[in-house]
Amino acid sequence: MDGNNQIHEKELLRLLENDETADQAIATYFQIDETMPFKITYELKPEIEVIADAQLEGRKIKVPKAIKKMFVRLANGRARRKRRNRYKKIIEEHPERTRIVSEGDSWFQYPGIKDIIDHLFNYFAIFSVGAAGDELSKMFRKNEYLPALKEEGAEILLLSGGGNDLMGGHFGDYLKEYAAGREPRDSLNNEFFAKIDDMMNIYQTLFAFIKRKRPDTKILFHGYDYVIPRSEKKGKWLGRPMEKKGITKDKDKKALMRFIIDYLNERLKSLSDQHGNAVFVDVRDTVREDYWHDEIHPNDDGFQQVALKFMNRINTISS
């Protein structure tokens, strides 16, 4: 390594591929990228220069972007690898523990924060196939959960999806221009309700698909807690798009988000009533207002509160 901000590509690759050195390498050379809602990942720190091991006329060659992306994939894959290793250790040391497969967005996989799955690992053996940023349709297409359920002999699937569909960087597309005295529902355009319908169709198809393939599997899913729209720089995902549409008062922002979360939860609860294999976990009014990391993610303590709701339902169906 040449200098504190330079590292050769082979050395970084060696560090990232070794479980004993990967965490320190990530802490040293990477930072958490929070620019996309529900897609929280690692990226190389801007001051880090990765140098190619090949030489050209005695000069160092900077690594191409494609190679840098490969290092980012390795760093992000470390989180999944750690969970797989922890899962293996749990089933070896505690074979009696309930085996679970989890699939979901950043509420189930958030680097640097102890998320829902991290908390549940203290009580269950969880095989995680989640990836922050996935929309529902992608989760269904990838279908990583079905082989995992079969191979691990798990009869419970935890599912967290839909947040990225609604708030994944295009939240403003669903808003109308502000009008005084308007009910929260009337601030949403037809695209919003069409998107919710699409999500419900995907959920319905997914539930039926799993019922056909794994009839004994129970699916635990949720509709999020009341997210907190903020202002200025801290409100880039919810608050800022609202303000661009003229929704500037905190009470109006919160009222709109409360309607959205309630509407989503009510539609999901209705689905669970139609599918015997789907168990709805209502986590509304769970996270304290001071237990939020940002607009749409709880902090460690907030995620612990949500995890307790899941734990109670898991214990109910597995007892």
Protein backbone atom coordinates (compact mmCIF):
# COMPACT_ATOMS: atom_id res chain seq x y z
CA MET A 1 0.00 0.00 0.00
CA ASP A 2 1.37 3.43 -1.00
CA GLY A 3 0.15 6.13 1.39
CA ASN A 4 -2.94 6.13 3.58
CA ASN A 5 -5.34 6.73 0.67
CA GLN A 6 -3.92 4.29 -1.89
CA ILE A 7 -4.16 0.53 -2.14
CA HIS A 8 -3.28 -1.95 -4.88
CA GLU A 9 -6.18 -3.86 -6.43
CA LYS A 10 -4.85 -7.34 -5.55
CA GLU A 11 -4.31 -6.31 -1.94
CA LEU A 12 -7.85 -4.93 -1.63
CA LEU A 13 -9.24 -8.06 -3.27
CA ARG A 14 -7.30 -10.25 -0.83
CA LEU A 15 -8.59 -8.28 2.16
CA LEU A 16 -12.22 -8.36 1.02
CA GLU A 17 -12.26 -12.08 0.22
CA ASN A 18 -10.88 -13.04 3.64
CA ASP A 19 -13.54 -13.18 6.37
CA GLU A 20 -10.92 -12.28 8.98
CA THR A 21 -9.90 -9.03 7.25
CA ALA A 22 -13.02 -8.03 5.28
CA ASP A 23 -14.71 -6.00 8.04
CA GLN A 24 -11.62 -3.90 8.74
CA ALA A 25 -11.05 -3.35 5.02
CA ILE A 26 -14.64 -2.15 4.61
CA ALA A 27 -14.28 0.21 7.58
CA THR A 28 -11.02 1.59 6.17
CA TYR A 29 -11.78 1.97 2.47
CA PHE A 30 -15.58 2.18 2.19
CA GLN A 31 -18.43 4.36 3.40
CA ILE A 32 -22.18 3.85 3.54
CA ASP A 33 -24.05 5.22 0.53
CA GLU A 34 -27.45 6.54 1.66
CA THR A 35 -28.34 8.43 -1.51
CA MET A 36 -31.13 6.03 -2.53
CA PRO A 37 -34.05 5.25 -0.19
CA PHE A 38 -34.42 1.59 0.77
CA LYS A 39 -31.14 0.85 -1.08
CA ILE A 40 -28.43 1.41 1.49
CA THR A 41 -25.09 0.03 0.30
CA TYR A 42 -21.34 0.51 0.58
CA GLU A 43 -19.23 2.64 -1.79
CA LEU A 44 -15.52 3.41 -1.96
CA LYS A 45 -14.56 6.51 0.01
CA PRO A 46 -13.91 9.39 -2.44
CA GLU A 47 -10.36 9.87 -1.16
CA ILE A 48 -9.39 6.21 -1.74
CA GLU A 49 -7.38 5.51 -4.88
CA VAL A 50 -7.23 1.89 -6.03
CA ILE A 51 -4.08 1.25 -8.08
CA ALA A 52 -3.80 -1.48 -10.71
CA ASP A 53 -0.98 -3.94 -10.10
CA ALA A 54 0.01 -3.83 -13.75
CA GLN A 55 2.60 -1.21 -14.65
CA LEU A 56 2.84 0.90 -17.79
CA GLU A 57 6.21 2.53 -18.42
CA GLY A 58 6.88 2.57 -14.69
CA ARG A 59 3.70 4.53 -13.93
CA LYS A 60 0.86 3.37 -11.72
CA ILE A 61 -2.41 2.74 -13.54
CA LYS A 62 -5.72 3.64 -11.95
CA VAL A 63 -8.18 0.76 -11.76
CA PRO A 64 -11.07 1.03 -14.29
CA LYS A 65 -14.58 1.79 -13.02
CA ALA A 66 -15.71 -1.79 -13.72
CA ILE A 67 -13.07 -3.13 -11.31
CA LYS A 68 -14.08 -0.57 -8.68
CA LYS A 69 -17.69 -1.72 -9.02
CA MET A 70 -16.50 -5.27 -8.42
CA PHE A 71 -14.90 -4.16 -5.13
CA VAL A 72 -18.16 -2.44 -4.14
CA ARG A 73 -20.09 -5.66 -4.88
CA LEU A 74 -17.64 -7.61 -2.71
CA ALA A 75 -18.05 -5.13 0.14
CA ASN A 76 -21.82 -5.30 -0.06
CA GLY A 77 -21.73 -9.08 -0.38
CA ARG A 78 -19.85 -9.23 2.90
CA ALA A 79 -23.04 -8.45 4.84
CA ARG A 80 -24.83 -11.43 3.31
CA ARG A 81 -21.77 -13.65 3.82
CA LYS A 82 -21.58 -12.69 7.50
CA ARG A 83 -25.21 -13.59 7.95
CA ARG A 84 -24.73 -16.93 6.20
CA ASN A 85 -21.79 -17.71 8.48
CA ARG A 86 -23.80 -16.72 11.54
CA TYR A 87 -26.71 -18.86 10.35
CA LYS A 88 -24.44 -21.90 9.94
CA LYS A 89 -23.00 -21.40 13.41
CA ILE A 90 -26.46 -21.12 14.97
CA ILE A 91 -27.81 -24.32 13.39
CA GLU A 92 -24.66 -26.15 14.45
CA GLU A 93 -24.80 -24.94 18.05
CA HIS A 94 -28.60 -24.67 18.39
CA PRO A 95 -30.24 -27.16 16.00
CA GLU A 96 -33.52 -26.76 17.88
CA ARG A 97 -33.97 -23.13 16.83
CA THR A 98 -36.72 -22.22 14.36
CA ARG A 99 -35.32 -21.93 10.83
CA ILE A 100 -36.47 -18.90 8.85
CA VAL A 101 -35.76 -17.41 5.41
CA SER A 102 -35.84 -13.61 5.05
CA GLU A 103 -36.29 -11.58 1.86
CA GLY A 104 -36.57 -7.83 1.83
CA ASP A 105 -35.39 -4.27 1.50
CA SER A 106 -33.26 -2.11 3.80
CA TRP A 107 -35.61 -2.66 6.78
CA PHE A 108 -34.16 -6.17 6.69
CA GLN A 109 -30.65 -5.24 5.53
CA TYR A 110 -29.13 -1.90 6.52
CA PRO A 111 -25.30 -1.68 6.72
CA GLY A 112 -24.09 0.01 9.88
CA ILE A 113 -27.42 -0.27 11.73
CA LYS A 114 -28.78 -3.21 13.70
CA ASP A 115 -31.89 -3.83 11.59
CA ILE A 116 -34.88 -6.14 12.13
CA ILE A 117 -33.08 -9.32 11.01
CA ASP A 118 -30.00 -8.51 13.11
CA HIS A 119 -32.21 -8.34 16.21
CA LEU A 120 -34.13 -11.52 15.36
CA PHE A 121 -30.86 -13.43 14.94
CA ASN A 122 -30.64 -13.50 18.74
CA TYR A 123 -33.61 -15.90 18.83
CA PHE A 124 -33.92 -17.66 15.46
CA ALA A 125 -31.78 -19.18 12.70
CA ILE A 126 -32.32 -16.85 9.74
CA PHE A 127 -31.13 -17.53 6.20
CA SER A 128 -31.12 -14.12 4.52
CA VAL A 129 -31.56 -13.58 0.76
CA GLY A 130 -32.52 -9.91 1.07
CA ALA A 131 -30.94 -7.05 -0.85
CA ALA A 132 -31.53 -3.41 -0.02
CA GLY A 133 -33.22 -1.57 -2.85
CA ASP A 134 -35.17 -4.44 -4.38
CA GLU A 135 -38.70 -3.66 -5.52
CA LEU A 136 -41.41 -6.29 -5.07
CA SER A 137 -41.39 -7.32 -8.72
CA LYS A 138 -37.63 -7.93 -8.62
CA MET A 139 -37.90 -10.01 -5.44
CA PHE A 140 -40.54 -12.14 -7.15
CA ARG A 141 -38.55 -12.51 -10.38
CA LYS A 142 -35.29 -13.40 -8.63
CA ASN A 143 -37.12 -16.00 -6.52
CA GLU A 144 -34.19 -16.64 -4.18
CA TYR A 145 -36.52 -17.39 -1.29
CA LEU A 146 -38.12 -20.58 -2.67
CA PRO A 147 -34.88 -22.61 -3.13
CA ALA A 148 -33.74 -21.35 0.29
CA LEU A 149 -36.97 -22.49 1.97
CA LYS A 150 -36.54 -25.95 0.46
CA GLU A 151 -32.81 -26.36 1.06
CA GLU A 152 -32.90 -25.11 4.65
CA GLY A 153 -36.10 -26.88 5.61
CA ALA A 154 -37.62 -23.60 6.78
CA GLU A 155 -41.36 -23.13 7.09
CA ILE A 156 -41.39 -19.38 7.75
CA LEU A 157 -40.60 -16.61 5.25
CA LEU A 158 -40.13 -13.04 6.46
CA LEU A 159 -40.90 -10.49 3.76
CA SER A 160 -40.26 -6.74 3.71
CA GLY A 161 -41.23 -5.07 0.45
CA GLY A 162 -43.06 -2.15 -1.05
CA GLY A 163 -41.24 0.78 0.51
CA ASN A 164 -38.86 1.11 -2.41
CA ASP A 165 -41.80 0.86 -4.84
CA LEU A 166 -43.52 3.85 -3.24
CA MET A 167 -40.64 5.93 -1.88
CA GLY A 168 -37.69 4.78 -3.96
CA GLY A 169 -36.67 8.15 -5.31
CA HIS A 170 -39.86 8.96 -7.22
CA PHE A 171 -42.26 9.79 -4.41
CA GLY A 172 -42.97 13.21 -5.92
CA ASP A 173 -44.49 11.54 -8.99
CA TYR A 174 -47.50 10.54 -6.88
CA LEU A 175 -48.27 14.02 -5.52
CA LYS A 176 -50.63 16.73 -6.73
CA GLU A 177 -49.97 20.44 -6.30
CA TYR A 178 -50.98 21.63 -2.83
CA ALA A 179 -54.44 23.08 -2.27
CA ALA A 180 -55.51 24.48 1.11
CA GLY A 181 -58.15 22.52 2.97
CA ARG A 182 -57.69 19.40 0.86
CA GLU A 183 -57.94 15.98 2.54
CA PRO A 184 -54.64 14.00 2.54
CA ARG A 185 -56.07 11.43 0.11
CA ASP A 186 -56.80 14.18 -2.41
CA SER A 187 -53.11 15.18 -2.51
CA LEU A 188 -52.33 11.86 -4.24
CA ASN A 189 -52.84 11.31 -7.96
CA ASN A 190 -54.12 8.27 -9.82
CA GLU A 191 -50.59 6.95 -10.31
CA PHE A 192 -50.27 6.37 -6.57
CA PHE A 193 -53.40 4.25 -6.33
CA ALA A 194 -52.46 2.36 -9.52
CA LYS A 195 -49.05 1.62 -7.98
CA ILE A 196 -50.66 0.27 -4.83
CA ASP A 197 -52.91 -1.95 -6.97
CA ASP A 198 -49.85 -3.26 -8.82
CA MET A 199 -48.13 -4.03 -5.52
CA MET A 200 -51.16 -5.90 -4.23
CA ASN A 201 -51.25 -7.99 -7.42
CA ILE A 202 -47.59 -8.93 -6.93
CA TYR A 203 -48.17 -9.83 -3.28
CA GLN A 204 -51.23 -11.88 -4.22
CA THR A 205 -49.32 -13.74 -6.94
CA LEU A 206 -46.39 -14.34 -4.59
CA PHE A 207 -48.63 -15.72 -1.83
CA ALA A 208 -50.39 -18.06 -4.27
CA PHE A 209 -47.07 -19.16 -5.79
CA ILE A 210 -45.57 -20.07 -2.41
CA LYS A 211 -48.80 -21.77 -1.34
CA ARG A 212 -48.60 -23.99 -4.43
CA LYS A 213 -44.90 -24.78 -4.07
CA ARG A 214 -44.55 -24.82 -0.26
CA PRO A 215 -48.04 -25.26 1.22
CA ASP A 216 -46.81 -25.41 4.83
CA THR A 217 -44.86 -22.14 4.66
CA LYS A 218 -46.12 -19.14 6.61
CA ILE A 219 -45.23 -15.69 5.20
CA LEU A 220 -44.85 -12.85 7.70
CA PHE A 221 -44.97 -9.40 6.10
CA HIS A 222 -45.58 -5.79 7.15
CA GLY A 223 -46.56 -2.33 5.88
CA TYR A 224 -44.01 -0.13 7.74
CA ASP A 225 -44.50 2.30 10.60
CA TYR A 226 -45.39 5.98 10.23
CA VAL A 227 -42.30 7.36 8.50
CA ILE A 228 -41.18 10.89 9.39
CA PRO A 229 -41.05 13.46 6.54
CA ARG A 230 -38.38 16.07 7.24
CA SER A 231 -37.32 19.37 5.73
CA GLU A 232 -34.40 20.72 3.72
CA LYS A 233 -31.34 18.42 3.45
CA LYS A 234 -32.76 15.80 5.82
CA GLY A 235 -35.98 15.53 3.85
CA LYS A 236 -34.59 14.46 0.49
CA TRP A 237 -36.88 11.43 0.05
CA LEU A 238 -40.21 12.62 1.46
CA GLY A 239 -40.13 16.17 2.80
CA ARG A 240 -38.39 17.79 -0.16
CA PRO A 241 -40.71 16.28 -2.84
CA MET A 242 -43.68 17.43 -0.75
CA GLU A 243 -42.31 20.96 -0.50
CA LYS A 244 -41.83 21.10 -4.27
CA LYS A 245 -45.58 20.46 -4.56
CA GLY A 246 -46.34 23.19 -2.02
CA ILE A 247 -46.88 20.92 0.99
CA THR A 248 -44.69 22.82 3.44
CA LYS A 249 -46.32 22.56 6.88
CA ASP A 250 -45.18 19.69 9.12
CA LYS A 251 -48.73 18.83 10.12
CA ASP A 252 -49.75 18.48 6.46
CA LYS A 253 -46.69 16.36 5.64
CA LYS A 254 -47.34 14.04 8.58
CA ALA A 255 -51.05 13.78 7.80
CA LEU A 256 -50.28 12.77 4.22
CA MET A 257 -47.72 10.14 5.25
CA ARG A 258 -50.12 8.82 7.88
CA PHE A 259 -52.78 8.35 5.20
CA ILE A 260 -50.29 6.59 2.87
CA ILE A 261 -49.04 4.20 5.57
CA ASP A 262 -52.58 3.47 6.79
CA TYR A 263 -53.82 2.86 3.25
CA LEU A 264 -50.91 0.51 2.51
CA ASN A 265 -51.37 -1.39 5.77
CA GLU A 266 -55.12 -1.74 5.30
CA ARG A 267 -54.66 -3.14 1.79
CA LEU A 268 -52.01 -5.59 3.04
CA LYS A 269 -54.16 -6.64 6.00
CA SER A 270 -57.01 -7.33 3.57
CA LEU A 271 -54.70 -9.59 1.55
CA SER A 272 -53.70 -11.58 4.61
CA ASP A 273 -57.37 -12.19 5.35
CA GLN A 274 -57.68 -13.79 1.89
CA HIS A 275 -54.58 -15.99 2.13
CA GLY A 276 -54.23 -18.47 4.97
CA ASN A 277 -50.46 -18.69 4.51
CA ALA A 278 -49.90 -14.92 4.86
CA VAL A 279 -49.52 -13.41 8.34
CA PHE A 280 -49.71 -9.62 8.51
CA VAL A 281 -47.56 -7.93 11.17
CA ASP A 282 -48.88 -4.48 12.01
CA VAL A 283 -45.93 -2.32 13.13
CA ARG A 284 -47.69 1.04 13.10
CA ASP A 285 -47.18 3.22 16.19
CA THR A 286 -44.22 1.05 17.17
CA VAL A 287 -41.15 3.25 16.62
CA ARG A 288 -40.79 6.23 18.94
CA GLU A 289 -40.37 9.56 17.16
CA ASP A 290 -36.81 9.94 18.52
CA TYR A 291 -35.88 6.39 17.38
CA TRP A 292 -35.64 7.22 13.67
CA HIS A 293 -32.29 7.24 11.84
CA ASP A 294 -33.70 9.22 8.91
CA GLU A 295 -37.06 9.83 7.25
CA ILE A 296 -37.76 6.18 6.45
CA HIS A 297 -35.43 4.03 8.59
CA PRO A 298 -35.52 3.52 12.36
CA ASN A 299 -32.25 3.46 14.29
CA ASP A 300 -30.97 0.44 16.26
CA ASP A 301 -33.51 0.93 19.05
CA GLY A 302 -36.36 1.59 16.64
CA PHE A 303 -35.64 -1.56 14.65
CA GLN A 304 -35.52 -3.50 17.92
CA GLN A 305 -39.06 -2.37 18.69
CA VAL A 306 -40.23 -3.58 15.27
CA ALA A 307 -38.32 -6.86 15.65
CA LEU A 308 -40.19 -7.58 18.88
CA LYS A 309 -43.49 -7.42 16.95
CA PHE A 310 -42.13 -9.99 14.49
CA MET A 311 -40.78 -12.17 17.29
CA ASN A 312 -44.18 -12.33 18.97
CA ARG A 313 -45.88 -13.43 15.75
CA ILE A 314 -43.16 -15.97 14.95
CA ASN A 315 -43.50 -17.49 18.42
CA THR A 316 -47.27 -17.67 17.97
CA ILE A 317 -47.16 -19.60 14.69
CA SER A 318 -44.17 -21.83 15.55
CA SER A 319 -45.28 -22.91 19.03
